[in-house]
Amino acid sequence: MALMATIASVGVAAQAPAAPVTPPAGVNVPTDYLIGPQDVLSIVFWREKDMSVDVVVRPDGKISLPLLNDIEAAGQTPDALRAAIAKAAAKFFEEPSVSVVVKEIKSRNVSITGQVTKPGSYELTSGMTVLQLIAVSGGLLEYADAKNIIVMRKENGRDRAFKFNYKDVMKQKNVEQNIALKPGDIVLVP
């Protein structure tokens, strides 16, 4: 992908030598990354600079591109989205060369609420567990019910709850409760 962005910037620079163009900076994406709402993408067309844009994935999961209109982005990998854009652009351009660069990931968040020092939404890092999220949020408050923490997750359109007993996990008991979090999970600390 970086090569395509470099090739695209070289092509654009050749058309307008007075203004050097640097390739858009991307972020390292996790191997299991799927594009989601609020993510910021840079769509770069080689030889068609008027088509190249930075876009934010809308809440409905789509992005709007010049000439191509709305394209479904959410739930796809950057490579799958690149292929979908190239296919749509083929109606207008001969052999379109497109790259998709992820500039910001804002869809991979988890939330923690209740009796923690800093409740709120946090960026989900690769492999983050319930215990790690509690640590990132500053830890449990003095009167937190550490034995009855709940992780809420949407799976196939349904809410699913996982119990988490902080005290057990800290004593190395029932450590399987310390599940890896997924985007959109909410941890409730009573």
N, C-alpha and C. Protein backbone atom coordinates (compact mmCIF):
# COMPACT_ATOMS: atom_id res chain seq x y z
N MET A 1 0.81 -1.18 0.00
CA MET A 1 0.00 0.00 0.00
C MET A 1 0.86 1.26 0.00
N ALA A 2 1.95 1.23 0.81
CA ALA A 2 2.83 2.39 0.86
C ALA A 2 3.44 2.65 -0.50
N LEU A 3 3.76 1.57 -1.23
CA LEU A 3 4.32 1.72 -2.57
C LEU A 3 3.32 2.40 -3.49
N MET A 4 2.05 2.02 -3.40
CA MET A 4 1.02 2.65 -4.24
C MET A 4 0.88 4.13 -3.90
N ALA A 5 0.94 4.46 -2.60
CA ALA A 5 0.83 5.86 -2.22
C ALA A 5 2.04 6.64 -2.74
N THR A 6 3.23 6.03 -2.69
CA THR A 6 4.42 6.68 -3.22
C THR A 6 4.32 6.86 -4.72
N ILE A 7 3.87 5.83 -5.42
CA ILE A 7 3.69 5.92 -6.87
C ILE A 7 2.67 7.01 -7.19
N ALA A 8 1.58 7.04 -6.40
CA ALA A 8 0.55 8.05 -6.65
C ALA A 8 1.11 9.45 -6.45
N SER A 9 1.92 9.65 -5.40
CA SER A 9 2.45 10.99 -5.17
C SER A 9 3.45 11.39 -6.25
N VAL A 10 4.21 10.42 -6.78
CA VAL A 10 5.15 10.72 -7.85
C VAL A 10 4.39 11.14 -9.10
N GLY A 11 3.28 10.43 -9.40
CA GLY A 11 2.46 10.78 -10.56
C GLY A 11 1.87 12.17 -10.44
N VAL A 12 1.40 12.52 -9.24
CA VAL A 12 0.82 13.84 -9.02
C VAL A 12 1.91 14.90 -9.10
N ALA A 13 3.08 14.60 -8.53
CA ALA A 13 4.17 15.57 -8.55
C ALA A 13 4.63 15.84 -9.99
N ALA A 14 4.57 14.84 -10.85
CA ALA A 14 4.98 15.03 -12.24
C ALA A 14 4.04 15.99 -12.96
N GLN A 15 2.77 16.02 -12.56
CA GLN A 15 1.81 16.92 -13.19
C GLN A 15 1.99 18.35 -12.71
N ALA A 16 2.41 18.52 -11.47
CA ALA A 16 2.53 19.86 -10.90
C ALA A 16 3.85 19.96 -10.14
N PRO A 17 4.97 20.15 -10.83
CA PRO A 17 6.27 20.13 -10.18
C PRO A 17 6.49 21.26 -9.18
N ALA A 18 5.72 22.35 -9.27
CA ALA A 18 5.92 23.48 -8.37
C ALA A 18 5.52 23.15 -6.93
N ALA A 19 4.59 22.22 -6.74
CA ALA A 19 4.12 21.89 -5.39
C ALA A 19 4.41 20.43 -5.10
N PRO A 20 5.50 20.14 -4.36
CA PRO A 20 5.81 18.74 -4.07
C PRO A 20 4.71 18.11 -3.21
N VAL A 21 4.38 16.88 -3.53
CA VAL A 21 3.32 16.18 -2.82
C VAL A 21 3.95 15.04 -2.04
N THR A 22 3.64 14.96 -0.75
CA THR A 22 4.11 13.85 0.05
C THR A 22 2.98 12.84 0.18
N PRO A 23 3.31 11.58 0.23
CA PRO A 23 2.25 10.59 0.36
C PRO A 23 1.55 10.75 1.70
N PRO A 24 0.27 10.42 1.75
CA PRO A 24 -0.44 10.56 3.02
C PRO A 24 0.14 9.62 4.07
N ALA A 25 0.23 10.12 5.28
CA ALA A 25 0.74 9.30 6.36
C ALA A 25 -0.36 8.37 6.84
N GLY A 26 -0.05 7.13 7.00
CA GLY A 26 -1.03 6.16 7.48
C GLY A 26 -0.65 5.69 8.86
N VAL A 27 -1.55 4.95 9.49
CA VAL A 27 -1.28 4.37 10.79
C VAL A 27 -1.07 2.87 10.60
N ASN A 28 -0.41 2.26 11.55
CA ASN A 28 -0.28 0.81 11.51
C ASN A 28 -1.62 0.21 11.87
N VAL A 29 -2.14 -0.63 10.99
CA VAL A 29 -3.45 -1.22 11.25
C VAL A 29 -3.28 -2.63 11.79
N PRO A 30 -4.09 -3.01 12.79
CA PRO A 30 -4.02 -4.38 13.31
C PRO A 30 -4.36 -5.38 12.21
N THR A 31 -3.87 -6.60 12.34
CA THR A 31 -4.11 -7.61 11.31
C THR A 31 -5.59 -7.94 11.15
N ASP A 32 -6.36 -7.79 12.21
CA ASP A 32 -7.80 -8.10 12.15
C ASP A 32 -8.64 -6.85 11.89
N TYR A 33 -8.02 -5.78 11.44
CA TYR A 33 -8.71 -4.50 11.28
C TYR A 33 -9.74 -4.52 10.15
N LEU A 34 -10.93 -4.03 10.49
CA LEU A 34 -11.98 -3.77 9.52
C LEU A 34 -12.35 -2.30 9.66
N ILE A 35 -12.56 -1.64 8.55
CA ILE A 35 -12.92 -0.23 8.55
C ILE A 35 -14.25 -0.05 9.27
N GLY A 36 -14.35 1.03 10.04
CA GLY A 36 -15.57 1.30 10.79
C GLY A 36 -15.93 2.77 10.76
N PRO A 37 -17.13 3.11 11.26
CA PRO A 37 -17.57 4.50 11.30
C PRO A 37 -16.57 5.40 12.02
N GLN A 38 -16.41 6.59 11.51
CA GLN A 38 -15.53 7.65 12.03
C GLN A 38 -14.06 7.45 11.67
N ASP A 39 -13.69 6.33 11.05
CA ASP A 39 -12.30 6.17 10.61
C ASP A 39 -12.01 7.17 9.49
N VAL A 40 -10.78 7.68 9.45
CA VAL A 40 -10.38 8.64 8.43
C VAL A 40 -9.49 7.91 7.42
N LEU A 41 -9.90 7.98 6.15
CA LEU A 41 -9.20 7.30 5.08
C LEU A 41 -8.72 8.30 4.03
N SER A 42 -7.63 7.98 3.39
CA SER A 42 -7.15 8.76 2.25
C SER A 42 -7.28 7.85 1.03
N ILE A 43 -8.09 8.26 0.07
CA ILE A 43 -8.28 7.51 -1.16
C ILE A 43 -7.44 8.21 -2.23
N VAL A 44 -6.45 7.50 -2.76
CA VAL A 44 -5.51 8.10 -3.70
C VAL A 44 -5.63 7.39 -5.05
N PHE A 45 -5.95 8.17 -6.08
CA PHE A 45 -6.01 7.67 -7.45
C PHE A 45 -4.75 8.11 -8.17
N TRP A 46 -4.04 7.17 -8.75
CA TRP A 46 -2.87 7.49 -9.54
C TRP A 46 -3.34 7.98 -10.89
N ARG A 47 -2.84 9.10 -11.36
CA ARG A 47 -3.17 9.75 -12.63
C ARG A 47 -4.52 10.47 -12.61
N GLU A 48 -5.27 10.40 -11.54
CA GLU A 48 -6.57 11.08 -11.46
C GLU A 48 -6.62 11.86 -10.15
N LYS A 49 -5.79 12.91 -10.04
CA LYS A 49 -5.65 13.60 -8.76
C LYS A 49 -6.95 14.26 -8.30
N ASP A 50 -7.84 14.62 -9.23
CA ASP A 50 -9.12 15.21 -8.83
C ASP A 50 -10.02 14.22 -8.10
N MET A 51 -9.74 12.94 -8.25
CA MET A 51 -10.52 11.90 -7.58
C MET A 51 -9.97 11.59 -6.18
N SER A 52 -8.74 11.97 -5.91
CA SER A 52 -8.11 11.66 -4.63
C SER A 52 -8.66 12.56 -3.54
N VAL A 53 -9.10 11.95 -2.43
CA VAL A 53 -9.71 12.69 -1.33
C VAL A 53 -9.42 12.02 0.00
N ASP A 54 -9.53 12.80 1.05
CA ASP A 54 -9.57 12.26 2.41
C ASP A 54 -11.03 12.21 2.80
N VAL A 55 -11.46 11.10 3.39
CA VAL A 55 -12.86 10.93 3.77
C VAL A 55 -12.97 10.38 5.18
N VAL A 56 -14.11 10.67 5.81
CA VAL A 56 -14.46 10.09 7.11
C VAL A 56 -15.60 9.12 6.85
N VAL A 57 -15.48 7.92 7.36
CA VAL A 57 -16.54 6.93 7.19
C VAL A 57 -17.74 7.40 8.00
N ARG A 58 -18.88 7.52 7.31
CA ARG A 58 -20.11 8.01 7.94
C ARG A 58 -20.68 6.98 8.91
N PRO A 59 -21.61 7.40 9.79
CA PRO A 59 -22.24 6.44 10.71
C PRO A 59 -22.96 5.29 9.99
N ASP A 60 -23.40 5.52 8.75
CA ASP A 60 -24.06 4.44 8.00
C ASP A 60 -23.05 3.51 7.34
N GLY A 61 -21.75 3.76 7.56
CA GLY A 61 -20.71 2.89 7.04
C GLY A 61 -20.24 3.20 5.64
N LYS A 62 -20.76 4.26 5.04
CA LYS A 62 -20.40 4.58 3.66
C LYS A 62 -19.45 5.78 3.59
N ILE A 63 -18.78 5.88 2.44
CA ILE A 63 -17.97 7.05 2.13
C ILE A 63 -18.48 7.62 0.82
N SER A 64 -18.30 8.91 0.63
CA SER A 64 -18.70 9.56 -0.62
C SER A 64 -17.45 9.97 -1.38
N LEU A 65 -17.40 9.56 -2.65
CA LEU A 65 -16.26 9.88 -3.50
C LEU A 65 -16.73 10.64 -4.73
N PRO A 66 -15.91 11.58 -5.23
CA PRO A 66 -16.28 12.30 -6.44
C PRO A 66 -16.58 11.32 -7.58
N LEU A 67 -17.63 11.58 -8.29
CA LEU A 67 -18.05 10.81 -9.46
C LEU A 67 -18.62 9.43 -9.11
N LEU A 68 -18.09 8.79 -8.07
CA LEU A 68 -18.51 7.44 -7.72
C LEU A 68 -19.65 7.41 -6.71
N ASN A 69 -19.90 8.54 -6.07
CA ASN A 69 -20.95 8.67 -5.05
C ASN A 69 -20.66 7.81 -3.83
N ASP A 70 -21.69 7.15 -3.28
CA ASP A 70 -21.54 6.40 -2.03
C ASP A 70 -21.02 4.98 -2.26
N ILE A 71 -20.05 4.61 -1.43
CA ILE A 71 -19.49 3.26 -1.47
C ILE A 71 -19.44 2.74 -0.04
N GLU A 72 -19.87 1.50 0.15
CA GLU A 72 -19.86 0.86 1.47
C GLU A 72 -18.41 0.61 1.88
N ALA A 73 -18.02 1.15 3.04
CA ALA A 73 -16.64 0.98 3.52
C ALA A 73 -16.58 0.16 4.81
N ALA A 74 -17.54 0.35 5.70
CA ALA A 74 -17.51 -0.32 7.00
C ALA A 74 -17.59 -1.83 6.83
N GLY A 75 -16.80 -2.51 7.64
CA GLY A 75 -16.80 -3.96 7.61
C GLY A 75 -15.85 -4.55 6.59
N GLN A 76 -15.14 -3.71 5.84
CA GLN A 76 -14.20 -4.19 4.84
C GLN A 76 -12.76 -3.92 5.28
N THR A 77 -11.85 -4.71 4.76
CA THR A 77 -10.43 -4.42 4.95
C THR A 77 -10.07 -3.29 3.99
N PRO A 78 -8.96 -2.59 4.22
CA PRO A 78 -8.54 -1.56 3.27
C PRO A 78 -8.33 -2.13 1.86
N ASP A 79 -7.80 -3.34 1.73
CA ASP A 79 -7.59 -3.95 0.42
C ASP A 79 -8.92 -4.24 -0.28
N ALA A 80 -9.90 -4.74 0.47
CA ALA A 80 -11.22 -5.02 -0.12
C ALA A 80 -11.88 -3.72 -0.57
N LEU A 81 -11.74 -2.66 0.22
CA LEU A 81 -12.31 -1.37 -0.18
C LEU A 81 -11.61 -0.84 -1.43
N ARG A 82 -10.28 -0.99 -1.49
CA ARG A 82 -9.53 -0.56 -2.67
C ARG A 82 -10.06 -1.26 -3.92
N ALA A 83 -10.30 -2.57 -3.82
CA ALA A 83 -10.82 -3.33 -4.96
C ALA A 83 -12.22 -2.86 -5.36
N ALA A 84 -13.06 -2.57 -4.37
CA ALA A 84 -14.42 -2.10 -4.65
C ALA A 84 -14.40 -0.73 -5.33
N ILE A 85 -13.51 0.15 -4.89
CA ILE A 85 -13.39 1.48 -5.50
C ILE A 85 -12.86 1.36 -6.92
N ALA A 86 -11.85 0.52 -7.11
CA ALA A 86 -11.28 0.33 -8.46
C ALA A 86 -12.34 -0.21 -9.42
N LYS A 87 -13.16 -1.14 -8.93
CA LYS A 87 -14.23 -1.70 -9.78
C LYS A 87 -15.24 -0.62 -10.16
N ALA A 88 -15.64 0.20 -9.19
CA ALA A 88 -16.59 1.28 -9.47
C ALA A 88 -15.98 2.32 -10.40
N ALA A 89 -14.70 2.62 -10.23
CA ALA A 89 -14.03 3.63 -11.06
C ALA A 89 -13.78 3.14 -12.48
N ALA A 90 -13.76 1.81 -12.67
CA ALA A 90 -13.51 1.24 -14.00
C ALA A 90 -14.58 1.63 -15.01
N LYS A 91 -15.74 2.05 -14.52
CA LYS A 91 -16.82 2.52 -15.41
C LYS A 91 -16.46 3.86 -16.04
N PHE A 92 -15.54 4.60 -15.39
CA PHE A 92 -15.21 5.95 -15.83
C PHE A 92 -13.77 6.11 -16.31
N PHE A 93 -12.87 5.24 -15.83
CA PHE A 93 -11.45 5.36 -16.15
C PHE A 93 -10.91 4.02 -16.60
N GLU A 94 -9.96 4.07 -17.52
CA GLU A 94 -9.33 2.85 -17.98
C GLU A 94 -8.27 2.43 -16.97
N GLU A 95 -8.35 1.20 -16.49
CA GLU A 95 -7.41 0.64 -15.53
C GLU A 95 -7.09 1.58 -14.36
N PRO A 96 -8.11 1.92 -13.55
CA PRO A 96 -7.84 2.82 -12.42
C PRO A 96 -6.91 2.18 -11.40
N SER A 97 -5.97 2.97 -10.91
CA SER A 97 -5.05 2.51 -9.88
C SER A 97 -5.35 3.30 -8.61
N VAL A 98 -5.82 2.59 -7.60
CA VAL A 98 -6.31 3.22 -6.37
C VAL A 98 -5.57 2.65 -5.17
N SER A 99 -5.34 3.49 -4.18
CA SER A 99 -4.85 2.99 -2.90
C SER A 99 -5.71 3.58 -1.79
N VAL A 100 -5.85 2.82 -0.72
CA VAL A 100 -6.60 3.25 0.45
C VAL A 100 -5.62 3.28 1.61
N VAL A 101 -5.44 4.46 2.18
CA VAL A 101 -4.53 4.63 3.32
C VAL A 101 -5.38 4.97 4.54
N VAL A 102 -5.21 4.22 5.62
CA VAL A 102 -5.91 4.50 6.86
C VAL A 102 -5.12 5.56 7.61
N LYS A 103 -5.70 6.75 7.74
CA LYS A 103 -5.01 7.86 8.41
C LYS A 103 -5.28 7.88 9.91
N GLU A 104 -6.52 7.57 10.30
CA GLU A 104 -6.88 7.54 11.73
C GLU A 104 -7.90 6.44 11.95
N ILE A 105 -7.70 5.69 13.01
CA ILE A 105 -8.68 4.66 13.39
C ILE A 105 -9.45 5.20 14.59
N LYS A 106 -10.71 5.47 14.38
CA LYS A 106 -11.55 5.98 15.47
C LYS A 106 -12.69 5.02 15.81
N SER A 107 -12.81 3.94 15.05
CA SER A 107 -13.92 3.00 15.25
C SER A 107 -13.56 1.88 16.23
N ARG A 108 -12.30 1.74 16.55
CA ARG A 108 -11.88 0.65 17.43
C ARG A 108 -11.74 1.16 18.86
N ASN A 109 -12.89 1.38 19.49
CA ASN A 109 -12.90 1.88 20.86
C ASN A 109 -13.66 0.93 21.77
N VAL A 110 -13.32 0.97 23.03
CA VAL A 110 -14.06 0.28 24.07
C VAL A 110 -14.35 1.31 25.14
N SER A 111 -15.40 1.04 25.93
CA SER A 111 -15.78 1.98 26.98
C SER A 111 -15.78 1.29 28.32
N ILE A 112 -15.54 2.09 29.35
CA ILE A 112 -15.64 1.59 30.72
C ILE A 112 -16.38 2.65 31.52
N THR A 113 -17.32 2.19 32.30
CA THR A 113 -18.15 3.12 33.06
C THR A 113 -18.34 2.61 34.48
N GLY A 114 -18.68 3.51 35.38
CA GLY A 114 -18.92 3.13 36.77
C GLY A 114 -17.77 3.50 37.68
N GLN A 115 -17.48 2.61 38.60
CA GLN A 115 -16.55 2.88 39.70
C GLN A 115 -15.07 2.67 39.33
N VAL A 116 -14.62 3.46 38.35
CA VAL A 116 -13.20 3.49 37.99
C VAL A 116 -12.73 4.93 38.05
N THR A 117 -11.43 5.13 38.14
CA THR A 117 -10.88 6.47 38.28
C THR A 117 -11.20 7.36 37.09
N LYS A 118 -11.04 6.84 35.87
CA LYS A 118 -11.28 7.64 34.67
C LYS A 118 -12.21 6.90 33.72
N PRO A 119 -13.54 6.92 33.98
CA PRO A 119 -14.46 6.27 33.05
C PRO A 119 -14.45 6.98 31.71
N GLY A 120 -14.72 6.25 30.64
CA GLY A 120 -14.77 6.87 29.32
C GLY A 120 -14.49 5.88 28.22
N SER A 121 -14.23 6.42 27.04
CA SER A 121 -13.96 5.62 25.85
C SER A 121 -12.45 5.60 25.62
N TYR A 122 -11.93 4.41 25.31
CA TYR A 122 -10.50 4.24 25.10
C TYR A 122 -10.24 3.52 23.79
N GLU A 123 -9.12 3.86 23.16
CA GLU A 123 -8.74 3.18 21.93
C GLU A 123 -8.38 1.74 22.25
N LEU A 124 -8.93 0.82 21.46
CA LEU A 124 -8.67 -0.59 21.66
C LEU A 124 -7.33 -0.95 21.02
N THR A 125 -6.40 -1.36 21.84
CA THR A 125 -5.12 -1.81 21.32
C THR A 125 -5.19 -3.32 21.09
N SER A 126 -4.32 -3.83 20.29
CA SER A 126 -4.34 -5.24 19.93
C SER A 126 -4.20 -6.12 21.18
N GLY A 127 -5.15 -7.02 21.35
CA GLY A 127 -5.09 -7.96 22.46
C GLY A 127 -5.46 -7.41 23.82
N MET A 128 -6.02 -6.19 23.88
CA MET A 128 -6.37 -5.59 25.17
C MET A 128 -7.41 -6.44 25.89
N THR A 129 -7.16 -6.70 27.17
CA THR A 129 -8.08 -7.49 27.99
C THR A 129 -8.85 -6.58 28.95
N VAL A 130 -9.81 -7.18 29.67
CA VAL A 130 -10.60 -6.43 30.65
C VAL A 130 -9.67 -5.84 31.71
N LEU A 131 -8.75 -6.64 32.21
CA LEU A 131 -7.82 -6.18 33.24
C LEU A 131 -6.97 -5.01 32.75
N GLN A 132 -6.53 -5.08 31.50
CA GLN A 132 -5.74 -3.98 30.94
C GLN A 132 -6.57 -2.71 30.82
N LEU A 133 -7.84 -2.83 30.42
CA LEU A 133 -8.70 -1.65 30.31
C LEU A 133 -8.91 -1.02 31.68
N ILE A 134 -9.10 -1.85 32.69
CA ILE A 134 -9.27 -1.32 34.05
C ILE A 134 -8.01 -0.55 34.46
N ALA A 135 -6.85 -1.08 34.13
CA ALA A 135 -5.59 -0.40 34.46
C ALA A 135 -5.46 0.92 33.71
N VAL A 136 -5.80 0.91 32.40
CA VAL A 136 -5.71 2.14 31.59
C VAL A 136 -6.65 3.21 32.12
N SER A 137 -7.79 2.78 32.66
CA SER A 137 -8.77 3.75 33.18
C SER A 137 -8.46 4.18 34.61
N GLY A 138 -7.30 3.85 35.11
CA GLY A 138 -6.87 4.33 36.42
C GLY A 138 -7.17 3.41 37.57
N GLY A 139 -7.79 2.28 37.31
CA GLY A 139 -8.08 1.31 38.37
C GLY A 139 -9.45 1.50 39.00
N LEU A 140 -9.80 0.54 39.84
CA LEU A 140 -11.10 0.56 40.51
C LEU A 140 -11.09 1.56 41.67
N LEU A 141 -12.26 2.16 41.91
CA LEU A 141 -12.41 3.03 43.06
C LEU A 141 -12.63 2.19 44.31
N GLU A 142 -12.52 2.80 45.46
CA GLU A 142 -12.57 2.10 46.74
C GLU A 142 -13.84 1.27 46.92
N TYR A 143 -14.99 1.79 46.49
CA TYR A 143 -16.25 1.09 46.75
C TYR A 143 -16.77 0.31 45.53
N ALA A 144 -15.93 0.06 44.59
CA ALA A 144 -16.33 -0.71 43.40
C ALA A 144 -16.67 -2.14 43.81
N ASP A 145 -17.68 -2.70 43.18
CA ASP A 145 -18.05 -4.10 43.41
C ASP A 145 -17.18 -4.95 42.47
N ALA A 146 -15.98 -5.24 42.88
CA ALA A 146 -14.97 -5.88 42.04
C ALA A 146 -15.32 -7.30 41.63
N LYS A 147 -16.29 -7.92 42.33
CA LYS A 147 -16.66 -9.30 42.01
C LYS A 147 -17.74 -9.39 40.94
N ASN A 148 -18.38 -8.28 40.60
CA ASN A 148 -19.54 -8.31 39.69
C ASN A 148 -19.41 -7.37 38.50
N ILE A 149 -18.25 -7.31 37.93
CA ILE A 149 -18.02 -6.48 36.74
C ILE A 149 -18.61 -7.22 35.54
N ILE A 150 -19.22 -6.48 34.63
CA ILE A 150 -19.86 -7.06 33.45
C ILE A 150 -19.25 -6.45 32.18
N VAL A 151 -19.00 -7.29 31.18
CA VAL A 151 -18.58 -6.83 29.86
C VAL A 151 -19.76 -7.03 28.93
N MET A 152 -20.26 -5.95 28.34
CA MET A 152 -21.38 -6.02 27.39
C MET A 152 -20.82 -5.99 25.97
N ARG A 153 -21.34 -6.89 25.12
CA ARG A 153 -20.86 -6.99 23.74
C ARG A 153 -22.04 -7.27 22.81
N LYS A 154 -22.03 -6.61 21.66
CA LYS A 154 -23.01 -6.89 20.60
C LYS A 154 -22.44 -7.99 19.73
N GLU A 155 -23.17 -9.09 19.59
CA GLU A 155 -22.78 -10.18 18.71
C GLU A 155 -23.99 -10.57 17.88
N ASN A 156 -23.85 -10.47 16.57
CA ASN A 156 -24.95 -10.81 15.65
C ASN A 156 -26.24 -10.08 16.01
N GLY A 157 -26.11 -8.81 16.38
CA GLY A 157 -27.28 -7.99 16.68
C GLY A 157 -27.87 -8.20 18.06
N ARG A 158 -27.29 -9.05 18.86
CA ARG A 158 -27.80 -9.32 20.21
C ARG A 158 -26.79 -8.91 21.25
N ASP A 159 -27.31 -8.48 22.41
CA ASP A 159 -26.43 -8.14 23.52
C ASP A 159 -25.99 -9.42 24.23
N ARG A 160 -24.71 -9.47 24.55
CA ARG A 160 -24.17 -10.61 25.29
C ARG A 160 -23.40 -10.06 26.48
N ALA A 161 -23.55 -10.70 27.64
CA ALA A 161 -22.87 -10.25 28.85
C ALA A 161 -21.87 -11.30 29.32
N PHE A 162 -20.69 -10.82 29.72
CA PHE A 162 -19.65 -11.69 30.28
C PHE A 162 -19.36 -11.19 31.70
N LYS A 163 -19.31 -12.11 32.66
CA LYS A 163 -18.98 -11.74 34.03
C LYS A 163 -17.47 -11.68 34.19
N PHE A 164 -17.03 -10.75 35.01
CA PHE A 164 -15.61 -10.60 35.31
C PHE A 164 -15.45 -10.33 36.80
N ASN A 165 -14.74 -11.22 37.49
CA ASN A 165 -14.47 -11.07 38.91
C ASN A 165 -13.02 -10.64 39.07
N TYR A 166 -12.84 -9.35 39.29
CA TYR A 166 -11.51 -8.75 39.40
C TYR A 166 -10.67 -9.44 40.49
N LYS A 167 -11.30 -9.69 41.64
CA LYS A 167 -10.57 -10.28 42.76
C LYS A 167 -10.06 -11.68 42.41
N ASP A 168 -10.89 -12.48 41.74
CA ASP A 168 -10.44 -13.82 41.33
C ASP A 168 -9.25 -13.74 40.37
N VAL A 169 -9.37 -12.89 39.38
CA VAL A 169 -8.30 -12.79 38.38
C VAL A 169 -7.00 -12.32 39.03
N MET A 170 -7.10 -11.40 39.96
CA MET A 170 -5.90 -10.92 40.65
C MET A 170 -5.25 -12.02 41.50
N LYS A 171 -6.06 -13.02 41.92
CA LYS A 171 -5.54 -14.16 42.69
C LYS A 171 -5.17 -15.32 41.78
N GLN A 172 -5.16 -15.07 40.45
CA GLN A 172 -4.84 -16.09 39.45
C GLN A 172 -5.88 -17.21 39.42
N LYS A 173 -7.13 -16.91 39.77
CA LYS A 173 -8.23 -17.87 39.70
C LYS A 173 -9.14 -17.48 38.53
N ASN A 174 -9.68 -18.45 37.85
CA ASN A 174 -10.64 -18.19 36.75
C ASN A 174 -10.13 -17.12 35.79
N VAL A 175 -8.87 -17.22 35.41
CA VAL A 175 -8.27 -16.20 34.55
C VAL A 175 -8.89 -16.15 33.15
N GLU A 176 -9.64 -17.20 32.76
CA GLU A 176 -10.32 -17.18 31.46
C GLU A 176 -11.37 -16.08 31.37
N GLN A 177 -11.76 -15.51 32.52
CA GLN A 177 -12.69 -14.37 32.54
C GLN A 177 -12.07 -13.13 31.92
N ASN A 178 -10.76 -13.06 31.95
CA ASN A 178 -10.04 -11.89 31.46
C ASN A 178 -9.96 -11.95 29.93
N ILE A 179 -11.12 -11.77 29.31
CA ILE A 179 -11.24 -11.93 27.86
C ILE A 179 -10.61 -10.77 27.10
N ALA A 180 -10.22 -11.06 25.87
CA ALA A 180 -9.75 -10.00 24.96
C ALA A 180 -10.97 -9.20 24.54
N LEU A 181 -10.86 -7.90 24.60
CA LEU A 181 -11.98 -7.02 24.24
C LEU A 181 -12.08 -6.85 22.73
N LYS A 182 -13.28 -6.53 22.28
CA LYS A 182 -13.54 -6.28 20.87
C LYS A 182 -14.10 -4.86 20.71
N PRO A 183 -13.96 -4.28 19.52
CA PRO A 183 -14.48 -2.93 19.31
C PRO A 183 -15.96 -2.83 19.72
N GLY A 184 -16.28 -1.78 20.46
CA GLY A 184 -17.65 -1.55 20.88
C GLY A 184 -18.00 -2.13 22.24
N ASP A 185 -17.11 -2.94 22.83
CA ASP A 185 -17.40 -3.52 24.14
C ASP A 185 -17.54 -2.42 25.19
N ILE A 186 -18.40 -2.68 26.17
CA ILE A 186 -18.59 -1.75 27.29
C ILE A 186 -18.38 -2.53 28.57
N VAL A 187 -17.50 -2.04 29.43
CA VAL A 187 -17.23 -2.68 30.71
C VAL A 187 -17.96 -1.86 31.78
N LEU A 188 -18.83 -2.55 32.54
CA LEU A 188 -19.63 -1.90 33.58
C LEU A 188 -19.08 -2.29 34.94
N VAL A 189 -18.65 -1.31 35.71
CA VAL A 189 -18.08 -1.56 37.04
C VAL A 189 -19.04 -0.97 38.07
N PRO A 190 -19.84 -1.85 38.74
CA PRO A 190 -20.82 -1.33 39.73
C PRO A 190 -20.15 -0.83 41.00
